[in-house]
Each structure stands twice: as C-alpha cells, then as structure tokens.
Amino acid sequence: SIKDSHFPQAFSHFSYEKSKKRFQVVDLQGVFKVNRDGTRCYELTDPVIHKHRKKNKSHYRQWTFGRTDRGEKGMKAFFHTHKCNEVCRLLGLEEVDSSTMIAS
C-alpha cells in the first residue's frame, strides 16, 4: 500500500530518472500536513541538488548548487540506501543498482 512517507524518496528517485540522470533532488526536509479539505501535502525546505558532472559538460556547466552538491557521489549514496517503494513502482521508475554507478 502507498504511504505518505513514500513520496519524498520517490521524488528523489523521480528527479534523477526524469532529468536523464543529470540531476537529483535529495535531503528533502519539511512538514507533512493534512489540509482542511482533506488533501495531503508536504511543505519541503532546504533541498540538496546533486549535479552529474560528466553528463553536464556543456549546457549545464554554469549551474552550481553550492557546497552540498556532491555530484555523482551523492547520487550513488542515495541509491545505496534507497529501496524502491510503491510510489516508485506506480511512476514506473527503474531500480538503480548503486554498485554499478561510477562516482568521481
């Protein structure tokens, strides 16, 4: 079954796959709340964005995300602990084996 707690991890996975492995939004912190009308939402703050340096040689070179951007190492660290959940499967995301990722 889908749990509200599945969404932040699935979003990090989604950001990696949908950016063609160029970027990943991680370290999602914030507050989960249920609105008066019954809808649920996360208010997220302080995201960390990792940029894949080898896949972004030209067009994205000028984009920087600060000291917390760990590049491929950060992406690999995320997938080392990530276990795909029901939201990942619902979105059709591919499982990623961190042991085959190259981190420079």
N, C-alpha and C. Protein backbone atom coordinates (compact mmCIF):
# COMPACT_ATOMS: atom_id res chain seq x y z
N SER A 1 0.83 -1.19 0.00
CA SER A 1 0.00 0.00 0.00
C SER A 1 0.88 1.25 0.00
N ILE A 2 0.36 2.31 -0.54
CA ILE A 2 1.10 3.56 -0.63
C ILE A 2 0.98 4.31 0.69
N LYS A 3 2.12 4.73 1.20
CA LYS A 3 2.17 5.50 2.44
C LYS A 3 2.64 6.91 2.11
N ASP A 4 2.16 7.86 2.88
CA ASP A 4 2.58 9.25 2.67
C ASP A 4 4.10 9.39 2.75
N SER A 5 4.72 8.59 3.59
CA SER A 5 6.17 8.67 3.79
C SER A 5 6.96 8.20 2.57
N HIS A 6 6.31 7.54 1.61
CA HIS A 6 6.99 7.07 0.40
C HIS A 6 7.32 8.19 -0.59
N PHE A 7 6.57 9.29 -0.53
CA PHE A 7 6.67 10.31 -1.56
C PHE A 7 8.02 11.03 -1.64
N PRO A 8 8.62 11.46 -0.52
CA PRO A 8 9.92 12.15 -0.65
C PRO A 8 11.00 11.29 -1.31
N GLN A 9 11.11 10.03 -0.90
CA GLN A 9 12.10 9.15 -1.52
C GLN A 9 11.81 8.93 -2.99
N ALA A 10 10.55 8.73 -3.32
CA ALA A 10 10.18 8.53 -4.72
C ALA A 10 10.45 9.79 -5.54
N PHE A 11 10.24 10.97 -4.95
CA PHE A 11 10.53 12.21 -5.67
C PHE A 11 12.02 12.32 -5.98
N SER A 12 12.87 11.95 -5.02
CA SER A 12 14.32 11.98 -5.28
C SER A 12 14.68 11.04 -6.42
N HIS A 13 14.11 9.86 -6.42
CA HIS A 13 14.35 8.89 -7.49
C HIS A 13 13.82 9.43 -8.82
N PHE A 14 12.61 9.99 -8.81
CA PHE A 14 11.98 10.57 -10.00
C PHE A 14 12.84 11.68 -10.59
N SER A 15 13.38 12.56 -9.73
CA SER A 15 14.17 13.69 -10.23
C SER A 15 15.42 13.19 -10.97
N TYR A 16 16.00 12.11 -10.50
CA TYR A 16 17.18 11.51 -11.13
C TYR A 16 16.81 10.94 -12.51
N GLU A 17 15.77 10.14 -12.53
CA GLU A 17 15.40 9.47 -13.79
C GLU A 17 14.88 10.45 -14.83
N LYS A 18 14.01 11.36 -14.43
CA LYS A 18 13.40 12.27 -15.40
C LYS A 18 14.36 13.35 -15.89
N SER A 19 15.46 13.59 -15.17
CA SER A 19 16.48 14.53 -15.66
C SER A 19 17.53 13.80 -16.50
N LYS A 20 17.24 12.55 -16.84
CA LYS A 20 18.18 11.71 -17.60
C LYS A 20 19.48 11.53 -16.85
N LYS A 21 19.37 11.37 -15.54
CA LYS A 21 20.50 11.11 -14.63
C LYS A 21 21.44 12.30 -14.52
N ARG A 22 20.98 13.48 -14.89
CA ARG A 22 21.82 14.68 -14.81
C ARG A 22 21.74 15.36 -13.44
N PHE A 23 20.57 15.28 -12.80
CA PHE A 23 20.35 15.97 -11.53
C PHE A 23 19.59 15.06 -10.58
N GLN A 24 19.70 15.36 -9.30
CA GLN A 24 18.89 14.65 -8.31
C GLN A 24 18.62 15.56 -7.12
N VAL A 25 17.36 15.65 -6.74
CA VAL A 25 16.95 16.43 -5.58
C VAL A 25 16.86 15.47 -4.40
N VAL A 26 17.61 15.76 -3.35
CA VAL A 26 17.66 14.86 -2.19
C VAL A 26 17.57 15.65 -0.89
N ASP A 27 17.69 14.95 0.21
CA ASP A 27 17.70 15.54 1.55
C ASP A 27 16.46 16.39 1.77
N LEU A 28 15.33 15.84 1.38
CA LEU A 28 14.07 16.57 1.47
C LEU A 28 13.60 16.62 2.92
N GLN A 29 13.50 17.83 3.43
CA GLN A 29 13.06 18.06 4.79
C GLN A 29 11.82 18.93 4.74
N GLY A 30 11.00 18.79 5.72
CA GLY A 30 9.83 19.64 5.75
C GLY A 30 8.75 19.07 6.63
N VAL A 31 7.54 19.51 6.36
CA VAL A 31 6.39 19.15 7.19
C VAL A 31 5.32 18.52 6.31
N PHE A 32 4.78 17.42 6.78
CA PHE A 32 3.64 16.80 6.12
C PHE A 32 2.39 17.30 6.83
N LYS A 33 1.40 17.69 6.04
CA LYS A 33 0.18 18.16 6.69
C LYS A 33 -1.05 17.73 5.90
N VAL A 34 -2.14 17.67 6.63
CA VAL A 34 -3.44 17.39 6.02
C VAL A 34 -4.22 18.70 6.06
N ASN A 35 -4.64 19.17 4.90
CA ASN A 35 -5.37 20.42 4.80
C ASN A 35 -6.82 20.25 5.28
N ARG A 36 -7.49 21.35 5.48
CA ARG A 36 -8.88 21.33 5.95
C ARG A 36 -9.81 20.55 5.02
N ASP A 37 -9.49 20.59 3.72
CA ASP A 37 -10.33 19.87 2.77
C ASP A 37 -9.97 18.39 2.65
N GLY A 38 -9.00 17.94 3.46
CA GLY A 38 -8.61 16.53 3.47
C GLY A 38 -7.45 16.18 2.57
N THR A 39 -7.03 17.12 1.71
CA THR A 39 -5.87 16.84 0.86
C THR A 39 -4.61 16.81 1.71
N ARG A 40 -3.63 16.10 1.25
CA ARG A 40 -2.37 15.95 1.98
C ARG A 40 -1.26 16.60 1.17
N CYS A 41 -0.31 17.17 1.87
CA CYS A 41 0.81 17.76 1.14
C CYS A 41 2.04 17.83 2.03
N TYR A 42 3.16 17.91 1.35
CA TYR A 42 4.43 18.16 2.02
C TYR A 42 4.82 19.60 1.72
N GLU A 43 5.27 20.29 2.72
CA GLU A 43 5.91 21.59 2.53
C GLU A 43 7.39 21.33 2.76
N LEU A 44 8.14 21.33 1.68
CA LEU A 44 9.55 20.94 1.73
C LEU A 44 10.45 22.17 1.71
N THR A 45 11.53 22.08 2.46
CA THR A 45 12.51 23.17 2.53
C THR A 45 13.91 22.60 2.39
N ASP A 46 14.84 23.46 2.08
CA ASP A 46 16.26 23.11 2.09
C ASP A 46 16.65 21.90 1.25
N PRO A 47 16.19 21.79 0.01
CA PRO A 47 16.61 20.63 -0.78
C PRO A 47 18.09 20.73 -1.14
N VAL A 48 18.66 19.58 -1.36
CA VAL A 48 20.02 19.48 -1.88
C VAL A 48 19.89 18.98 -3.32
N ILE A 49 20.63 19.59 -4.23
CA ILE A 49 20.62 19.14 -5.62
C ILE A 49 22.02 18.67 -5.98
N HIS A 50 22.08 17.42 -6.45
CA HIS A 50 23.34 16.87 -6.94
C HIS A 50 23.32 16.98 -8.47
N LYS A 51 24.44 17.40 -9.04
CA LYS A 51 24.57 17.53 -10.50
C LYS A 51 25.63 16.54 -10.96
N HIS A 52 25.28 15.75 -11.96
CA HIS A 52 26.23 14.79 -12.52
C HIS A 52 27.22 15.57 -13.39
N ARG A 53 28.44 15.62 -12.99
CA ARG A 53 29.42 16.45 -13.68
C ARG A 53 29.76 15.96 -15.08
N LYS A 54 29.87 14.68 -15.29
CA LYS A 54 30.24 14.16 -16.61
C LYS A 54 29.12 14.30 -17.62
N LYS A 55 27.87 14.22 -17.17
CA LYS A 55 26.74 14.33 -18.10
C LYS A 55 26.37 15.78 -18.37
N ASN A 56 27.00 16.71 -17.72
CA ASN A 56 26.65 18.13 -17.84
C ASN A 56 27.83 18.98 -18.30
N LYS A 57 28.61 18.45 -19.21
CA LYS A 57 29.85 19.13 -19.60
C LYS A 57 29.63 20.49 -20.24
N SER A 58 28.60 20.65 -21.02
CA SER A 58 28.48 21.92 -21.73
C SER A 58 27.29 22.75 -21.25
N HIS A 59 26.11 22.32 -21.59
CA HIS A 59 24.91 23.14 -21.37
C HIS A 59 24.68 23.51 -19.90
N TYR A 60 24.95 22.59 -18.99
CA TYR A 60 24.64 22.84 -17.58
C TYR A 60 25.87 23.22 -16.76
N ARG A 61 26.98 23.45 -17.41
CA ARG A 61 28.23 23.73 -16.70
C ARG A 61 28.11 24.92 -15.74
N GLN A 62 27.38 25.94 -16.15
CA GLN A 62 27.27 27.15 -15.34
C GLN A 62 26.35 26.96 -14.13
N TRP A 63 25.58 25.89 -14.09
CA TRP A 63 24.68 25.67 -12.97
C TRP A 63 25.46 25.12 -11.79
N THR A 64 25.39 25.79 -10.68
CA THR A 64 26.04 25.29 -9.46
C THR A 64 25.02 25.27 -8.34
N PHE A 65 25.18 24.34 -7.44
CA PHE A 65 24.22 24.16 -6.37
C PHE A 65 24.86 24.19 -4.99
N GLY A 66 26.01 24.80 -4.89
CA GLY A 66 26.62 25.02 -3.59
C GLY A 66 27.43 23.86 -3.03
N ARG A 67 27.82 24.04 -1.79
CA ARG A 67 28.71 23.06 -1.15
C ARG A 67 28.06 21.71 -0.90
N THR A 68 26.75 21.68 -0.84
CA THR A 68 26.08 20.40 -0.57
C THR A 68 25.94 19.53 -1.81
N ASP A 69 26.25 20.07 -2.98
CA ASP A 69 26.20 19.30 -4.22
C ASP A 69 27.39 18.33 -4.24
N ARG A 70 27.10 17.06 -4.03
CA ARG A 70 28.15 16.04 -4.01
C ARG A 70 28.25 15.29 -5.34
N GLY A 71 27.56 15.78 -6.35
CA GLY A 71 27.67 15.19 -7.67
C GLY A 71 27.31 13.72 -7.69
N GLU A 72 28.07 12.96 -8.47
CA GLU A 72 27.81 11.53 -8.63
C GLU A 72 27.94 10.78 -7.31
N LYS A 73 28.84 11.22 -6.44
CA LYS A 73 28.99 10.56 -5.13
C LYS A 73 27.71 10.66 -4.32
N GLY A 74 27.07 11.81 -4.36
CA GLY A 74 25.82 11.99 -3.64
C GLY A 74 24.71 11.14 -4.22
N MET A 75 24.67 11.05 -5.56
CA MET A 75 23.65 10.22 -6.21
C MET A 75 23.84 8.76 -5.83
N LYS A 76 25.07 8.32 -5.86
CA LYS A 76 25.36 6.93 -5.51
C LYS A 76 25.00 6.66 -4.05
N ALA A 77 25.30 7.60 -3.17
CA ALA A 77 24.97 7.43 -1.75
C ALA A 77 23.45 7.31 -1.56
N PHE A 78 22.68 8.10 -2.29
CA PHE A 78 21.22 8.00 -2.20
C PHE A 78 20.76 6.60 -2.58
N PHE A 79 21.21 6.12 -3.74
CA PHE A 79 20.74 4.82 -4.22
C PHE A 79 21.31 3.66 -3.41
N HIS A 80 22.37 3.89 -2.68
CA HIS A 80 22.91 2.84 -1.82
C HIS A 80 21.91 2.48 -0.72
N THR A 81 21.14 3.47 -0.25
CA THR A 81 20.18 3.23 0.82
C THR A 81 18.73 3.19 0.35
N HIS A 82 18.46 3.68 -0.85
CA HIS A 82 17.07 3.76 -1.35
C HIS A 82 16.54 2.37 -1.69
N LYS A 83 15.34 2.12 -1.22
CA LYS A 83 14.61 0.92 -1.61
C LYS A 83 13.36 1.39 -2.34
N CYS A 84 13.22 0.97 -3.58
CA CYS A 84 12.05 1.40 -4.34
C CYS A 84 10.78 1.02 -3.58
N ASN A 85 9.82 1.93 -3.60
CA ASN A 85 8.57 1.71 -2.89
C ASN A 85 7.40 1.72 -3.87
N GLU A 86 6.21 1.66 -3.32
CA GLU A 86 5.01 1.61 -4.17
C GLU A 86 4.89 2.84 -5.09
N VAL A 87 5.30 4.00 -4.61
CA VAL A 87 5.21 5.20 -5.45
C VAL A 87 6.21 5.09 -6.61
N CYS A 88 7.41 4.61 -6.34
CA CYS A 88 8.39 4.40 -7.42
C CYS A 88 7.82 3.47 -8.49
N ARG A 89 7.21 2.39 -8.04
CA ARG A 89 6.63 1.44 -8.98
C ARG A 89 5.45 2.04 -9.74
N LEU A 90 4.60 2.79 -9.04
CA LEU A 90 3.46 3.45 -9.68
C LEU A 90 3.93 4.41 -10.78
N LEU A 91 5.05 5.09 -10.54
CA LEU A 91 5.61 6.03 -11.51
C LEU A 91 6.41 5.33 -12.62
N GLY A 92 6.60 4.02 -12.48
CA GLY A 92 7.35 3.27 -13.49
C GLY A 92 8.84 3.53 -13.46
N LEU A 93 9.38 3.89 -12.29
CA LEU A 93 10.81 4.20 -12.18
C LEU A 93 11.63 2.91 -12.19
N GLU A 94 12.79 2.98 -12.82
CA GLU A 94 13.67 1.82 -12.89
C GLU A 94 14.47 1.69 -11.60
N GLU A 95 14.65 0.46 -11.15
CA GLU A 95 15.50 0.24 -9.98
C GLU A 95 16.94 0.57 -10.37
N VAL A 96 17.67 1.19 -9.47
CA VAL A 96 19.05 1.60 -9.73
C VAL A 96 19.96 0.83 -8.78
N ASP A 97 20.95 0.18 -9.34
CA ASP A 97 21.94 -0.55 -8.54
C ASP A 97 23.13 0.35 -8.29
N SER A 98 23.27 0.82 -7.07
CA SER A 98 24.34 1.78 -6.77
C SER A 98 25.72 1.18 -6.95
N SER A 99 25.84 -0.15 -6.87
CA SER A 99 27.15 -0.76 -7.02
C SER A 99 27.70 -0.65 -8.44
N THR A 100 26.82 -0.37 -9.41
CA THR A 100 27.28 -0.24 -10.79
C THR A 100 27.47 1.22 -11.19
N MET A 101 27.13 2.14 -10.28
CA MET A 101 27.30 3.57 -10.59
C MET A 101 28.76 3.95 -10.39
N ILE A 102 29.25 4.81 -11.25
CA ILE A 102 30.62 5.31 -11.13
C ILE A 102 30.56 6.69 -10.51
N ALA A 103 31.21 6.83 -9.38
CA ALA A 103 31.23 8.13 -8.70
C ALA A 103 32.64 8.71 -8.80
N SER A 104 32.71 9.91 -9.34
CA SER A 104 34.04 10.53 -9.47
C SER A 104 34.18 11.68 -8.53
